[in-house]
Amino acid sequence: MPGGESRLDALARYADGCARVLSRRDARCVLLVVHDVPIRFLHNALLRPIRSRPGAHRRELERLCVGEPQLAAGLAVMRRRLSGLPPV
């Protein structure tokens, strides 16, 4: 959308959200309900292939189960990308 959020701004916002989830110690399990872009960012950060070309078939609902170590690893990759560093 014109004048909307850039992909890097969105990535920064999603990374901040992941950091907030990781910082919580009051829950054993957290359910996040999000749109496809945060899921895609996390998939990409975890180096899992995801169909992203236009017209590729995607399920309307997709479940991505990650534990604390995977979420922390994904967050580290997102932070590296935001810093202009390669994802490693």
PDB file of N, CA and C in Angstrom:
ATOM      1  N   MET A   1       0.833  -1.179   0.000  1.00  0.00           N
ATOM      2  CA  MET A   1       0.000   0.000   0.000  1.00  0.00           C
ATOM      3  C   MET A   1       0.881   1.248   0.000  1.00  0.00           C
ATOM      4  N   PRO A   2       0.502   2.242  -0.741  1.00  0.00           N
ATOM      5  CA  PRO A   2       1.282   3.477  -0.749  1.00  0.00           C
ATOM      6  C   PRO A   2       1.375   4.079   0.652  1.00  0.00           C
ATOM      7  N   GLY A   3       2.577   4.444   1.027  1.00  0.00           N
ATOM      8  CA  GLY A   3       2.796   5.056   2.330  1.00  0.00           C
ATOM      9  C   GLY A   3       2.716   4.081   3.491  1.00  0.00           C
ATOM     10  N   GLY A   4       2.613   2.803   3.186  1.00  0.00           N
ATOM     11  CA  GLY A   4       2.496   1.796   4.233  1.00  0.00           C
ATOM     12  C   GLY A   4       3.849   1.389   4.790  1.00  0.00           C
ATOM     13  N   GLU A   5       3.821   0.399   5.591  1.00  0.00           N
ATOM     14  CA  GLU A   5       5.010  -0.112   6.270  1.00  0.00           C
ATOM     15  C   GLU A   5       5.916  -0.859   5.288  1.00  0.00           C
ATOM     16  N   SER A   6       7.220  -0.627   5.366  1.00  0.00           N
ATOM     17  CA  SER A   6       8.162  -1.360   4.520  1.00  0.00           C
ATOM     18  C   SER A   6       8.318  -2.776   5.057  1.00  0.00           C
ATOM     19  N   ARG A   7       8.857  -3.673   4.246  1.00  0.00           N
ATOM     20  CA  ARG A   7       9.073  -5.056   4.694  1.00  0.00           C
ATOM     21  C   ARG A   7      10.063  -5.095   5.860  1.00  0.00           C
ATOM     22  N   LEU A   8      11.078  -4.216   5.836  1.00  0.00           N
ATOM     23  CA  LEU A   8      12.020  -4.180   6.954  1.00  0.00           C
ATOM     24  C   LEU A   8      11.357  -3.656   8.225  1.00  0.00           C
ATOM     25  N   ASP A   9      10.480  -2.674   8.085  1.00  0.00           N
ATOM     26  CA  ASP A   9       9.738  -2.188   9.255  1.00  0.00           C
ATOM     27  C   ASP A   9       8.854  -3.296   9.820  1.00  0.00           C
ATOM     28  N   ALA A  10       8.219  -4.034   8.924  1.00  0.00           N
ATOM     29  CA  ALA A  10       7.375  -5.152   9.371  1.00  0.00           C
ATOM     30  C   ALA A  10       8.235  -6.208  10.054  1.00  0.00           C
ATOM     31  N   LEU A  11       9.388  -6.517   9.479  1.00  0.00           N
ATOM     32  CA  LEU A  11      10.287  -7.503  10.081  1.00  0.00           C
ATOM     33  C   LEU A  11      10.712  -7.051  11.476  1.00  0.00           C
ATOM     34  N   ALA A  12      11.020  -5.767  11.630  1.00  0.00           N
ATOM     35  CA  ALA A  12      11.408  -5.251  12.945  1.00  0.00           C
ATOM     36  C   ALA A  12      10.266  -5.398  13.944  1.00  0.00           C
ATOM     37  N   ARG A  13       9.057  -5.129  13.501  1.00  0.00           N
ATOM     38  CA  ARG A  13       7.895  -5.251  14.382  1.00  0.00           C
ATOM     39  C   ARG A  13       7.670  -6.709  14.779  1.00  0.00           C
ATOM     40  N   TYR A  14       7.793  -7.624  13.830  1.00  0.00           N
ATOM     41  CA  TYR A  14       7.609  -9.047  14.127  1.00  0.00           C
ATOM     42  C   TYR A  14       8.735  -9.572  15.010  1.00  0.00           C
ATOM     43  N   ALA A  15       9.958  -9.111  14.776  1.00  0.00           N
ATOM     44  CA  ALA A  15      11.082  -9.521  15.628  1.00  0.00           C
ATOM     45  C   ALA A  15      10.860  -9.053  17.060  1.00  0.00           C
ATOM     46  N   ASP A  16      10.364  -7.823  17.220  1.00  0.00           N
ATOM     47  CA  ASP A  16      10.051  -7.325  18.569  1.00  0.00           C
ATOM     48  C   ASP A  16       8.982  -8.192  19.229  1.00  0.00           C
ATOM     49  N   GLY A  17       7.999  -8.617  18.459  1.00  0.00           N
ATOM     50  CA  GLY A  17       6.962  -9.494  18.991  1.00  0.00           C
ATOM     51  C   GLY A  17       7.533 -10.836  19.429  1.00  0.00           C
ATOM     52  N   CYS A  18       8.429 -11.402  18.617  1.00  0.00           N
ATOM     53  CA  CYS A  18       9.081 -12.668  18.993  1.00  0.00           C
ATOM     54  C   CYS A  18       9.883 -12.492  20.278  1.00  0.00           C
ATOM     55  N   ALA A  19      10.565 -11.374  20.397  1.00  0.00           N
ATOM     56  CA  ALA A  19      11.361 -11.108  21.606  1.00  0.00           C
ATOM     57  C   ALA A  19      10.452 -11.014  22.833  1.00  0.00           C
ATOM     58  N   ARG A  20       9.291 -10.379  22.680  1.00  0.00           N
ATOM     59  CA  ARG A  20       8.350 -10.292  23.802  1.00  0.00           C
ATOM     60  C   ARG A  20       7.842 -11.676  24.205  1.00  0.00           C
ATOM     61  N   VAL A  21       7.559 -12.520  23.224  1.00  0.00           N
ATOM     62  CA  VAL A  21       7.106 -13.881  23.533  1.00  0.00           C
ATOM     63  C   VAL A  21       8.206 -14.637  24.276  1.00  0.00           C
ATOM     64  N   LEU A  22       9.449 -14.513  23.806  1.00  0.00           N
ATOM     65  CA  LEU A  22      10.565 -15.213  24.455  1.00  0.00           C
ATOM     66  C   LEU A  22      10.822 -14.711  25.869  1.00  0.00           C
ATOM     67  N   SER A  23      10.519 -13.456  26.125  1.00  0.00           N
ATOM     68  CA  SER A  23      10.806 -12.893  27.449  1.00  0.00           C
ATOM     69  C   SER A  23       9.769 -13.304  28.499  1.00  0.00           C
ATOM     70  N   ARG A  24       8.651 -13.832  28.061  1.00  0.00           N
ATOM     71  CA  ARG A  24       7.588 -14.234  29.011  1.00  0.00           C
ATOM     72  C   ARG A  24       7.999 -15.502  29.736  1.00  0.00           C
ATOM     73  N   ARG A  25       7.800 -15.500  30.996  1.00  0.00           N
ATOM     74  CA  ARG A  25       8.104 -16.684  31.797  1.00  0.00           C
ATOM     75  C   ARG A  25       6.877 -17.159  32.572  1.00  0.00           C
ATOM     76  N   ASP A  26       5.713 -16.579  32.253  1.00  0.00           N
ATOM     77  CA  ASP A  26       4.504 -16.914  32.992  1.00  0.00           C
ATOM     78  C   ASP A  26       3.615 -17.929  32.277  1.00  0.00           C
ATOM     79  N   ALA A  27       4.072 -18.430  31.142  1.00  0.00           N
ATOM     80  CA  ALA A  27       3.265 -19.393  30.393  1.00  0.00           C
ATOM     81  C   ALA A  27       4.147 -20.527  29.887  1.00  0.00           C
ATOM     82  N   ARG A  28       3.606 -21.699  29.941  1.00  0.00           N
ATOM     83  CA  ARG A  28       4.340 -22.871  29.451  1.00  0.00           C
ATOM     84  C   ARG A  28       4.211 -23.008  27.941  1.00  0.00           C
ATOM     85  N   CYS A  29       3.093 -22.554  27.422  1.00  0.00           N
ATOM     86  CA  CYS A  29       2.818 -22.671  25.992  1.00  0.00           C
ATOM     87  C   CYS A  29       2.112 -21.394  25.552  1.00  0.00           C
ATOM     88  N   VAL A  30       2.462 -20.894  24.379  1.00  0.00           N
ATOM     89  CA  VAL A  30       1.863 -19.675  23.855  1.00  0.00           C
ATOM     90  C   VAL A  30       1.284 -19.978  22.482  1.00  0.00           C
ATOM     91  N   LEU A  31       0.076 -19.549  22.251  1.00  0.00           N
ATOM     92  CA  LEU A  31      -0.564 -19.675  20.944  1.00  0.00           C
ATOM     93  C   LEU A  31      -0.580 -18.297  20.306  1.00  0.00           C
ATOM     94  N   LEU A  32       0.048 -18.170  19.151  1.00  0.00           N
ATOM     95  CA  LEU A  32       0.016 -16.920  18.400  1.00  0.00           C
ATOM     96  C   LEU A  32      -0.868 -17.126  17.190  1.00  0.00           C
ATOM     97  N   VAL A  33      -1.771 -16.223  16.962  1.00  0.00           N
ATOM     98  CA  VAL A  33      -2.609 -16.252  15.783  1.00  0.00           C
ATOM     99  C   VAL A  33      -2.206 -15.039  14.960  1.00  0.00           C
ATOM    100  N   VAL A  34      -1.583 -15.297  13.817  1.00  0.00           N
ATOM    101  CA  VAL A  34      -1.037 -14.222  13.000  1.00  0.00           C
ATOM    102  C   VAL A  34      -1.373 -14.454  11.529  1.00  0.00           C
ATOM    103  N   HIS A  35      -1.164 -13.434  10.735  1.00  0.00           N
ATOM    104  CA  HIS A  35      -1.354 -13.539   9.298  1.00  0.00           C
ATOM    105  C   HIS A  35      -0.140 -14.220   8.673  1.00  0.00           C
ATOM    106  N   ASP A  36      -0.186 -14.405   7.360  1.00  0.00           N
ATOM    107  CA  ASP A  36       0.852 -15.188   6.694  1.00  0.00           C
ATOM    108  C   ASP A  36       2.225 -14.524   6.657  1.00  0.00           C
ATOM    109  N   VAL A  37       2.314 -13.201   6.685  1.00  0.00           N
ATOM    110  CA  VAL A  37       3.627 -12.554   6.584  1.00  0.00           C
ATOM    111  C   VAL A  37       4.519 -12.876   7.787  1.00  0.00           C
ATOM    112  N   PRO A  38       4.041 -12.782   9.031  1.00  0.00           N
ATOM    113  CA  PRO A  38       4.907 -13.176  10.148  1.00  0.00           C
ATOM    114  C   PRO A  38       5.309 -14.649  10.078  1.00  0.00           C
ATOM    115  N   ILE A  39       4.391 -15.505   9.626  1.00  0.00           N
ATOM    116  CA  ILE A  39       4.728 -16.921   9.474  1.00  0.00           C
ATOM    117  C   ILE A  39       5.824 -17.078   8.427  1.00  0.00           C
ATOM    118  N   ARG A  40       5.693 -16.366   7.315  1.00  0.00           N
ATOM    119  CA  ARG A  40       6.700 -16.440   6.244  1.00  0.00           C
ATOM    120  C   ARG A  40       8.059 -15.945   6.747  1.00  0.00           C
ATOM    121  N   PHE A  41       8.078 -14.830   7.492  1.00  0.00           N
ATOM    122  CA  PHE A  41       9.338 -14.322   8.036  1.00  0.00           C
ATOM    123  C   PHE A  41       9.986 -15.361   8.952  1.00  0.00           C
ATOM    124  N   LEU A  42       9.186 -15.996   9.806  1.00  0.00           N
ATOM    125  CA  LEU A  42       9.747 -16.989  10.713  1.00  0.00           C
ATOM    126  C   LEU A  42      10.207 -18.223   9.948  1.00  0.00           C
ATOM    127  N   HIS A  43       9.415 -18.681   8.969  1.00  0.00           N
ATOM    128  CA  HIS A  43       9.848 -19.799   8.123  1.00  0.00           C
ATOM    129  C   HIS A  43      11.194 -19.480   7.480  1.00  0.00           C
ATOM    130  N   ASN A  44      11.280 -18.297   6.880  1.00  0.00           N
ATOM    131  CA  ASN A  44      12.517 -17.905   6.206  1.00  0.00           C
ATOM    132  C   ASN A  44      13.682 -17.828   7.195  1.00  0.00           C
ATOM    133  N   ALA A  45      13.423 -17.295   8.380  1.00  0.00           N
ATOM    134  CA  ALA A  45      14.484 -17.180   9.382  1.00  0.00           C
ATOM    135  C   ALA A  45      14.964 -18.553   9.839  1.00  0.00           C
ATOM    136  N   LEU A  46      14.061 -19.522   9.848  1.00  0.00           N
ATOM    137  CA  LEU A  46      14.427 -20.884  10.246  1.00  0.00           C
ATOM    138  C   LEU A  46      14.922 -21.710   9.066  1.00  0.00           C
ATOM    139  N   LEU A  47      15.035 -21.063   7.888  1.00  0.00           N
ATOM    140  CA  LEU A  47      15.540 -21.701   6.667  1.00  0.00           C
ATOM    141  C   LEU A  47      14.682 -22.880   6.230  1.00  0.00           C
ATOM    142  N   ARG A  48      13.389 -22.754   6.442  1.00  0.00           N
ATOM    143  CA  ARG A  48      12.458 -23.763   5.959  1.00  0.00           C
ATOM    144  C   ARG A  48      11.887 -23.267   4.640  1.00  0.00           C
ATOM    145  N   PRO A  49      11.897 -24.096   3.626  1.00  0.00           N
ATOM    146  CA  PRO A  49      11.347 -23.629   2.349  1.00  0.00           C
ATOM    147  C   PRO A  49       9.845 -23.390   2.463  1.00  0.00           C
ATOM    148  N   ILE A  50       9.408 -22.354   1.804  1.00  0.00           N
ATOM    149  CA  ILE A  50       7.985 -22.045   1.776  1.00  0.00           C
ATOM    150  C   ILE A  50       7.650 -21.550   0.377  1.00  0.00           C
ATOM    151  N   ARG A  51       6.529 -21.969  -0.145  1.00  0.00           N
ATOM    152  CA  ARG A  51       6.139 -21.534  -1.490  1.00  0.00           C
ATOM    153  C   ARG A  51       5.741 -20.071  -1.431  1.00  0.00           C
ATOM    154  N   SER A  52       6.472 -19.233  -2.139  1.00  0.00           N
ATOM    155  CA  SER A  52       6.165 -17.803  -2.061  1.00  0.00           C
ATOM    156  C   SER A  52       5.961 -17.176  -3.433  1.00  0.00           C
ATOM    157  N   ARG A  53       6.076 -17.963  -4.495  1.00  0.00           N
ATOM    158  CA  ARG A  53       5.896 -17.369  -5.816  1.00  0.00           C
ATOM    159  C   ARG A  53       4.416 -17.072  -6.045  1.00  0.00           C
ATOM    160  N   PRO A  54       4.118 -16.058  -6.829  1.00  0.00           N
ATOM    161  CA  PRO A  54       2.719 -15.726  -7.093  1.00  0.00           C
ATOM    162  C   PRO A  54       1.998 -16.935  -7.686  1.00  0.00           C
ATOM    163  N   GLY A  55       0.806 -17.173  -7.215  1.00  0.00           N
ATOM    164  CA  GLY A  55       0.004 -18.267  -7.744  1.00  0.00           C
ATOM    165  C   GLY A  55       0.291 -19.621  -7.118  1.00  0.00           C
ATOM    166  N   ALA A  56       1.305 -19.701  -6.241  1.00  0.00           N
ATOM    167  CA  ALA A  56       1.614 -20.980  -5.600  1.00  0.00           C
ATOM    168  C   ALA A  56       0.481 -21.339  -4.654  1.00  0.00           C
ATOM    169  N   HIS A  57       0.140 -22.607  -4.620  1.00  0.00           N
ATOM    170  CA  HIS A  57      -0.940 -23.054  -3.741  1.00  0.00           C
ATOM    171  C   HIS A  57      -0.472 -22.984  -2.293  1.00  0.00           C
ATOM    172  N   ARG A  58      -1.276 -22.363  -1.475  1.00  0.00           N
ATOM    173  CA  ARG A  58      -1.004 -22.296  -0.034  1.00  0.00           C
ATOM    174  C   ARG A  58      -2.304 -22.567   0.686  1.00  0.00           C
ATOM    175  N   ARG A  59      -2.208 -23.273   1.773  1.00  0.00           N
ATOM    176  CA  ARG A  59      -3.390 -23.479   2.605  1.00  0.00           C
ATOM    177  C   ARG A  59      -3.777 -22.152   3.251  1.00  0.00           C
ATOM    178  N   GLU A  60      -5.053 -21.978   3.462  1.00  0.00           N
ATOM    179  CA  GLU A  60      -5.517 -20.761   4.125  1.00  0.00           C
ATOM    180  C   GLU A  60      -5.039 -20.695   5.568  1.00  0.00           C
ATOM    181  N   LEU A  61      -5.012 -21.837   6.217  1.00  0.00           N
ATOM    182  CA  LEU A  61      -4.541 -21.900   7.594  1.00  0.00           C
ATOM    183  C   LEU A  61      -3.299 -22.767   7.629  1.00  0.00           C
ATOM    184  N   GLU A  62      -2.284 -22.302   8.278  1.00  0.00           N
ATOM    185  CA  GLU A  62      -1.046 -23.064   8.378  1.00  0.00           C
ATOM    186  C   GLU A  62      -0.571 -23.020   9.817  1.00  0.00           C
ATOM    187  N   ARG A  63      -0.222 -24.178  10.322  1.00  0.00           N
ATOM    188  CA  ARG A  63       0.270 -24.251  11.694  1.00  0.00           C
ATOM    189  C   ARG A  63       1.785 -24.393  11.651  1.00  0.00           C
ATOM    190  N   LEU A  64       2.448 -23.599  12.422  1.00  0.00           N
ATOM    191  CA  LEU A  64       3.894 -23.659  12.555  1.00  0.00           C
ATOM    192  C   LEU A  64       4.189 -23.817  14.037  1.00  0.00           C
ATOM    193  N   CYS A  65       4.688 -24.978  14.410  1.00  0.00           N
ATOM    194  CA  CYS A  65       4.996 -25.243  15.819  1.00  0.00           C
ATOM    195  C   CYS A  65       6.498 -25.103  16.023  1.00  0.00           C
ATOM    196  N   VAL A  66       6.877 -24.205  16.894  1.00  0.00           N
ATOM    197  CA  VAL A  66       8.289 -24.015  17.210  1.00  0.00           C
ATOM    198  C   VAL A  66       8.443 -23.957  18.720  1.00  0.00           C
ATOM    199  N   GLY A  67       9.546 -24.464  19.177  1.00  0.00           N
ATOM    200  CA  GLY A  67       9.879 -24.372  20.587  1.00  0.00           C
ATOM    201  C   GLY A  67      10.704 -23.128  20.843  1.00  0.00           C
ATOM    202  N   GLU A  68      11.014 -22.923  22.097  1.00  0.00           N
ATOM    203  CA  GLU A  68      11.793 -21.742  22.481  1.00  0.00           C
ATOM    204  C   GLU A  68      13.139 -21.673  21.749  1.00  0.00           C
ATOM    205  N   PRO A  69      13.883 -22.792  21.611  1.00  0.00           N
ATOM    206  CA  PRO A  69      15.169 -22.697  20.901  1.00  0.00           C
ATOM    207  C   PRO A  69      15.013 -22.281  19.436  1.00  0.00           C
ATOM    208  N   GLN A  70      13.979 -22.806  18.761  1.00  0.00           N
ATOM    209  CA  GLN A  70      13.776 -22.436  17.357  1.00  0.00           C
ATOM    210  C   GLN A  70      13.336 -20.986  17.224  1.00  0.00           C
ATOM    211  N   LEU A  71      12.469 -20.533  18.136  1.00  0.00           N
ATOM    212  CA  LEU A  71      12.039 -19.139  18.085  1.00  0.00           C
ATOM    213  C   LEU A  71      13.213 -18.206  18.347  1.00  0.00           C
ATOM    214  N   ALA A  72      14.073 -18.560  19.292  1.00  0.00           N
ATOM    215  CA  ALA A  72      15.266 -17.749  19.578  1.00  0.00           C
ATOM    216  C   ALA A  72      16.195 -17.725  18.369  1.00  0.00           C
ATOM    217  N   ALA A  73      16.363 -18.869  17.710  1.00  0.00           N
ATOM    218  CA  ALA A  73      17.216 -18.926  16.510  1.00  0.00           C
ATOM    219  C   ALA A  73      16.623 -18.083  15.391  1.00  0.00           C
ATOM    220  N   GLY A  74      15.316 -18.176  15.197  1.00  0.00           N
ATOM    221  CA  GLY A  74      14.652 -17.360  14.178  1.00  0.00           C
ATOM    222  C   GLY A  74      14.786 -15.881  14.472  1.00  0.00           C
ATOM    223  N   LEU A  75      14.628 -15.503  15.737  1.00  0.00           N
ATOM    224  CA  LEU A  75      14.780 -14.104  16.134  1.00  0.00           C
ATOM    225  C   LEU A  75      16.196 -13.614  15.860  1.00  0.00           C
ATOM    226  N   ALA A  76      17.193 -14.448  16.138  1.00  0.00           N
ATOM    227  CA  ALA A  76      18.583 -14.049  15.879  1.00  0.00           C
ATOM    228  C   ALA A  76      18.803 -13.781  14.395  1.00  0.00           C
ATOM    229  N   VAL A  77      18.219 -14.614  13.535  1.00  0.00           N
ATOM    230  CA  VAL A  77      18.351 -14.404  12.086  1.00  0.00           C
ATOM    231  C   VAL A  77      17.644 -13.125  11.675  1.00  0.00           C
ATOM    232  N   MET A  78      16.452 -12.896  12.210  1.00  0.00           N
ATOM    233  CA  MET A  78      15.730 -11.665  11.872  1.00  0.00           C
ATOM    234  C   MET A  78      16.533 -10.436  12.281  1.00  0.00           C
ATOM    235  N   ARG A  79      17.118 -10.467  13.476  1.00  0.00           N
ATOM    236  CA  ARG A  79      17.923  -9.328  13.950  1.00  0.00           C
ATOM    237  C   ARG A  79      19.149  -9.118  13.063  1.00  0.00           C
ATOM    238  N   ARG A  80      19.773 -10.218  12.610  1.00  0.00           N
ATOM    239  CA  ARG A  80      20.931 -10.098  11.705  1.00  0.00           C
ATOM    240  C   ARG A  80      20.497  -9.424  10.386  1.00  0.00           C
ATOM    241  N   ARG A  81      19.379  -9.857   9.854  1.00  0.00           N
ATOM    242  CA  ARG A  81      18.885  -9.255   8.604  1.00  0.00           C
ATOM    243  C   ARG A  81      18.584  -7.775   8.792  1.00  0.00           C
ATOM    244  N   LEU A  82      18.024  -7.419   9.932  1.00  0.00           N
ATOM    245  CA  LEU A  82      17.732  -6.015  10.208  1.00  0.00           C
ATOM    246  C   LEU A  82      18.999  -5.184  10.345  1.00  0.00           C
ATOM    247  N   SER A  83      20.084  -5.824  10.765  1.00  0.00           N
ATOM    248  CA  SER A  83      21.375  -5.140  10.912  1.00  0.00           C
ATOM    249  C   SER A  83      22.156  -5.101   9.609  1.00  0.00           C
ATOM    250  N   GLY A  84      21.589  -5.698   8.552  1.00  0.00           N
ATOM    251  CA  GLY A  84      22.263  -5.728   7.269  1.00  0.00           C
ATOM    252  C   GLY A  84      23.282  -6.832   7.135  1.00  0.00           C
ATOM    253  N   LEU A  85      23.275  -7.769   8.078  1.00  0.00           N
ATOM    254  CA  LEU A  85      24.219  -8.895   8.042  1.00  0.00           C
ATOM    255  C   LEU A  85      23.566 -10.090   7.355  1.00  0.00           C
ATOM    256  N   PRO A  86      24.385 -10.982   6.783  1.00  0.00           N
ATOM    257  CA  PRO A  86      23.803 -12.187   6.182  1.00  0.00           C
ATOM    258  C   PRO A  86      23.213 -13.075   7.277  1.00  0.00           C
ATOM    259  N   PRO A  87      22.209 -13.893   6.927  1.00  0.00           N
ATOM    260  CA  PRO A  87      21.547 -14.715   7.943  1.00  0.00           C
ATOM    261  C   PRO A  87      22.409 -15.809   8.545  1.00  0.00           C
ATOM    262  N   VAL A  88      23.584 -16.037   8.068  1.00  0.00           N
ATOM    263  CA  VAL A  88      24.568 -17.039   8.524  1.00  0.00           C
ATOM    264  C   VAL A  88      24.374 -18.345   7.828  1.00  0.00           C
TER     265      VAL A  88
END
